[in-house]
């Protein structure tokens, strides 16, 4: 975890579905009150990334060069993994807890992909929850898109990420 970093630029290599399956299975070990599995992951490869770019443009109302730039954003990685919070009716587990479990799956999956040697960056944006993007992903009323893991190969000569260390005392307290 100490070596984790976001890779904003990746190569055209990407894990196969067969390579993803055990990683998704391992990410399912996230803390999940009630074992509801309130999440799902959607793969976007190839032309589906173009469809996502078109949904971004539709949501934005942009035209011209700005629209072309926005449409190209999903093409920055060969594989996008949409992280979806799938809210399950429950008397015991609040919606926010279910969203936290889904976010936990996304984070664990990013760590697992990093450990497997892939470059990963979790991206969101103003169009993440727009109608065109929701429709493209086939989201139900009980689902919310939390963003995408952009996944690809790590470019040769890529420098390690720089993250300033924290003072744990600033972030860890105790109730007396």
Protein backbone atom coordinates (compact mmCIF):
# COMPACT_ATOMS: atom_id res chain seq x y z
CA UNK A 1 0.00 0.00 0.00
CA UNK A 2 2.89 2.34 0.64
CA UNK A 3 3.79 2.20 -3.06
CA UNK A 4 0.27 2.85 -4.35
CA UNK A 5 -0.06 5.77 -6.68
CA UNK A 6 -2.46 7.00 -9.30
CA UNK A 7 -1.31 6.48 -12.87
CA UNK A 8 -2.81 9.22 -15.03
CA UNK A 9 -1.04 7.83 -18.11
CA UNK A 10 -1.06 4.14 -18.95
CA UNK A 11 -0.17 1.96 -21.92
CA UNK A 12 -2.63 0.07 -24.11
CA UNK A 13 -2.08 -3.17 -22.19
CA UNK A 14 -4.88 -4.24 -19.85
CA UNK A 15 -5.80 -7.24 -17.73
CA UNK A 16 -8.09 -9.78 -19.33
CA UNK A 17 -11.46 -10.69 -17.90
CA UNK A 18 -9.92 -13.95 -16.68
CA UNK A 19 -7.23 -11.95 -14.86
CA UNK A 20 -9.86 -9.65 -13.34
CA UNK A 21 -12.09 -12.39 -11.95
CA UNK A 22 -9.90 -13.42 -8.98
CA UNK A 23 -9.20 -9.76 -8.19
CA UNK A 24 -12.91 -8.95 -8.06
CA UNK A 25 -13.41 -12.06 -5.92
CA UNK A 26 -10.72 -10.88 -3.51
CA UNK A 27 -12.14 -7.33 -3.41
CA UNK A 28 -15.44 -8.86 -2.30
CA UNK A 29 -13.78 -9.44 1.09
CA UNK A 30 -14.40 -5.77 1.91
CA UNK A 31 -16.23 -5.04 5.16
CA UNK A 32 -19.89 -5.50 4.27
CA UNK A 33 -22.38 -5.20 7.13
CA UNK A 34 -25.12 -7.73 6.51
CA UNK A 35 -23.20 -9.43 3.66
CA UNK A 36 -25.49 -7.63 1.20
CA UNK A 37 -22.85 -7.34 -1.55
CA UNK A 38 -24.24 -3.88 -2.39
CA UNK A 39 -22.00 -3.29 -5.37
CA UNK A 40 -21.17 -4.37 -8.87
CA UNK A 41 -18.38 -3.68 -11.34
CA UNK A 42 -18.91 -3.01 -15.05
CA UNK A 43 -16.11 -3.44 -17.62
CA UNK A 44 -15.79 -0.88 -20.42
CA UNK A 45 -13.38 -1.76 -23.21
CA UNK A 46 -13.00 -0.90 -26.87
CA UNK A 47 -15.88 1.01 -28.44
CA UNK A 48 -17.86 1.18 -25.19
CA UNK A 49 -15.35 3.83 -24.09
CA UNK A 50 -16.39 5.88 -27.14
CA UNK A 51 -20.02 5.52 -26.06
CA UNK A 52 -19.07 6.80 -22.62
CA UNK A 53 -17.33 9.79 -24.21
CA UNK A 54 -20.49 10.52 -26.20
CA UNK A 55 -22.54 10.30 -22.99
CA UNK A 56 -20.16 12.81 -21.36
CA UNK A 57 -20.67 15.19 -24.29
CA UNK A 58 -24.45 14.76 -24.20
CA UNK A 59 -24.47 15.46 -20.46
CA UNK A 60 -22.29 18.54 -20.88
CA UNK A 61 -24.04 20.17 -23.82
CA UNK A 62 -20.63 21.15 -25.19
CA UNK A 63 -19.80 21.42 -28.87
CA UNK A 64 -16.70 21.81 -31.06
CA UNK A 65 -13.19 21.23 -29.75
CA UNK A 66 -14.34 21.15 -26.11
CA UNK A 67 -16.74 18.32 -26.93
CA UNK A 68 -14.02 16.38 -28.76
CA UNK A 69 -11.68 16.74 -25.80
CA UNK A 70 -14.37 15.58 -23.37
CA UNK A 71 -15.32 12.66 -25.62
CA UNK A 72 -11.70 11.48 -25.59
CA UNK A 73 -11.37 11.27 -21.82
CA UNK A 74 -12.52 7.64 -21.51
CA UNK A 75 -9.89 6.68 -24.10
CA UNK A 76 -7.04 7.47 -21.70
CA UNK A 77 -6.98 3.83 -20.59
CA UNK A 78 -7.80 0.58 -22.41
CA UNK A 79 -9.98 -0.65 -19.55
CA UNK A 80 -12.42 1.24 -17.38
CA UNK A 81 -14.06 -0.48 -14.44
CA UNK A 82 -17.24 1.28 -13.35
CA UNK A 83 -17.80 0.96 -9.60
CA UNK A 84 -21.51 0.86 -8.84
CA UNK A 85 -23.19 1.11 -5.45
CA UNK A 86 -26.14 -1.28 -5.63
CA UNK A 87 -28.45 -0.30 -2.78
CA UNK A 88 -30.28 -3.28 -1.31
CA UNK A 89 -33.45 -2.80 0.78
CA UNK A 90 -32.52 -3.49 4.39
CA UNK A 91 -33.89 -2.65 7.81
CA UNK A 92 -30.44 -3.06 9.36
CA UNK A 93 -27.96 -1.60 6.85
CA UNK A 94 -28.20 2.09 6.00
CA UNK A 95 -27.66 3.30 2.43
CA UNK A 96 -24.47 5.12 3.43
CA UNK A 97 -23.04 1.84 4.78
CA UNK A 98 -23.83 0.14 1.49
CA UNK A 99 -22.16 2.97 -0.45
CA UNK A 100 -19.13 2.65 1.83
CA UNK A 101 -18.90 -1.07 1.04
CA UNK A 102 -19.07 -0.33 -2.69
CA UNK A 103 -16.36 2.34 -2.37
CA UNK A 104 -14.32 -0.17 -0.36
CA UNK A 105 -14.55 -2.66 -3.22
CA UNK A 106 -13.33 0.01 -5.63
CA UNK A 107 -10.40 0.87 -3.40
CA UNK A 108 -9.45 -2.75 -2.73
CA UNK A 109 -9.70 -3.49 -6.44
CA UNK A 110 -7.36 -0.57 -7.18
CA UNK A 111 -4.85 -1.94 -4.64
CA UNK A 112 -5.14 -5.47 -6.05
CA UNK A 113 -4.64 -4.22 -9.61
CA UNK A 114 -1.63 -2.19 -8.48
CA UNK A 115 -0.20 -5.25 -6.73
CA UNK A 116 -0.70 -7.24 -9.95
CA UNK A 117 1.44 -4.68 -11.81
CA UNK A 118 -1.22 -2.52 -13.48
CA UNK A 119 -1.47 1.24 -13.53
CA UNK A 120 -4.73 2.46 -11.99
CA UNK A 121 -6.45 5.78 -11.41
CA UNK A 122 -9.91 6.26 -9.89
CA UNK A 123 -11.71 8.97 -11.84
CA UNK A 124 -15.02 10.68 -11.26
CA UNK A 125 -16.28 13.98 -12.59
CA UNK A 126 -19.30 16.18 -12.99
CA UNK A 127 -20.99 13.80 -15.45
CA UNK A 128 -20.64 10.66 -13.32
CA UNK A 129 -24.27 10.76 -12.21
CA UNK A 130 -25.79 12.36 -15.28
CA UNK A 131 -28.75 10.79 -17.08
CA UNK A 132 -26.81 9.85 -20.27
CA UNK A 133 -24.05 8.18 -18.24
CA UNK A 134 -26.57 6.36 -16.03
CA UNK A 135 -28.42 5.09 -19.09
CA UNK A 136 -25.23 3.90 -20.80
CA UNK A 137 -24.32 1.84 -17.73
CA UNK A 138 -27.85 0.45 -17.42
CA UNK A 139 -28.17 1.62 -13.84
CA UNK A 140 -31.32 0.84 -11.92
CA UNK A 141 -33.04 3.44 -9.71
CA UNK A 142 -31.42 1.79 -6.68
CA UNK A 143 -27.88 2.19 -8.09
CA UNK A 144 -25.34 5.01 -8.14
CA UNK A 145 -22.13 5.18 -10.13
CA UNK A 146 -19.15 5.97 -7.88
CA UNK A 147 -16.67 6.46 -10.73
CA UNK A 148 -14.32 4.40 -12.85
CA UNK A 149 -10.99 2.73 -12.32
CA UNK A 150 -8.93 3.58 -15.40
CA UNK A 151 -6.60 0.59 -15.85
CA UNK A 152 -3.67 -0.06 -18.18
CA UNK A 153 -0.04 -0.94 -18.35
CA UNK A 154 2.55 1.11 -16.50
CA UNK A 155 4.72 3.05 -18.97
CA UNK A 156 8.44 2.23 -18.96
CA UNK A 157 10.47 4.61 -16.82
CA UNK A 158 7.44 5.68 -14.82
CA UNK A 159 8.56 7.42 -11.65
CA UNK A 160 7.24 6.33 -8.27
CA UNK A 161 4.43 8.40 -6.87
CA UNK A 162 5.26 11.17 -4.47
CA UNK A 163 3.09 11.32 -1.40
CA UNK A 164 4.15 13.42 1.52
CA UNK A 165 4.10 11.45 4.76
CA UNK A 166 1.55 12.36 7.37
CA UNK A 167 1.90 12.71 11.09
CA UNK A 168 -0.43 9.97 12.36
CA UNK A 169 -1.05 12.07 15.49
CA UNK A 170 -2.90 14.53 13.28
CA UNK A 171 -5.33 11.83 12.14
CA UNK A 172 -5.62 9.37 15.04
CA UNK A 173 -7.32 10.31 18.26
CA UNK A 174 -8.87 8.47 21.17
CA UNK A 175 -11.92 9.02 23.30
CA UNK A 176 -11.00 9.07 26.97
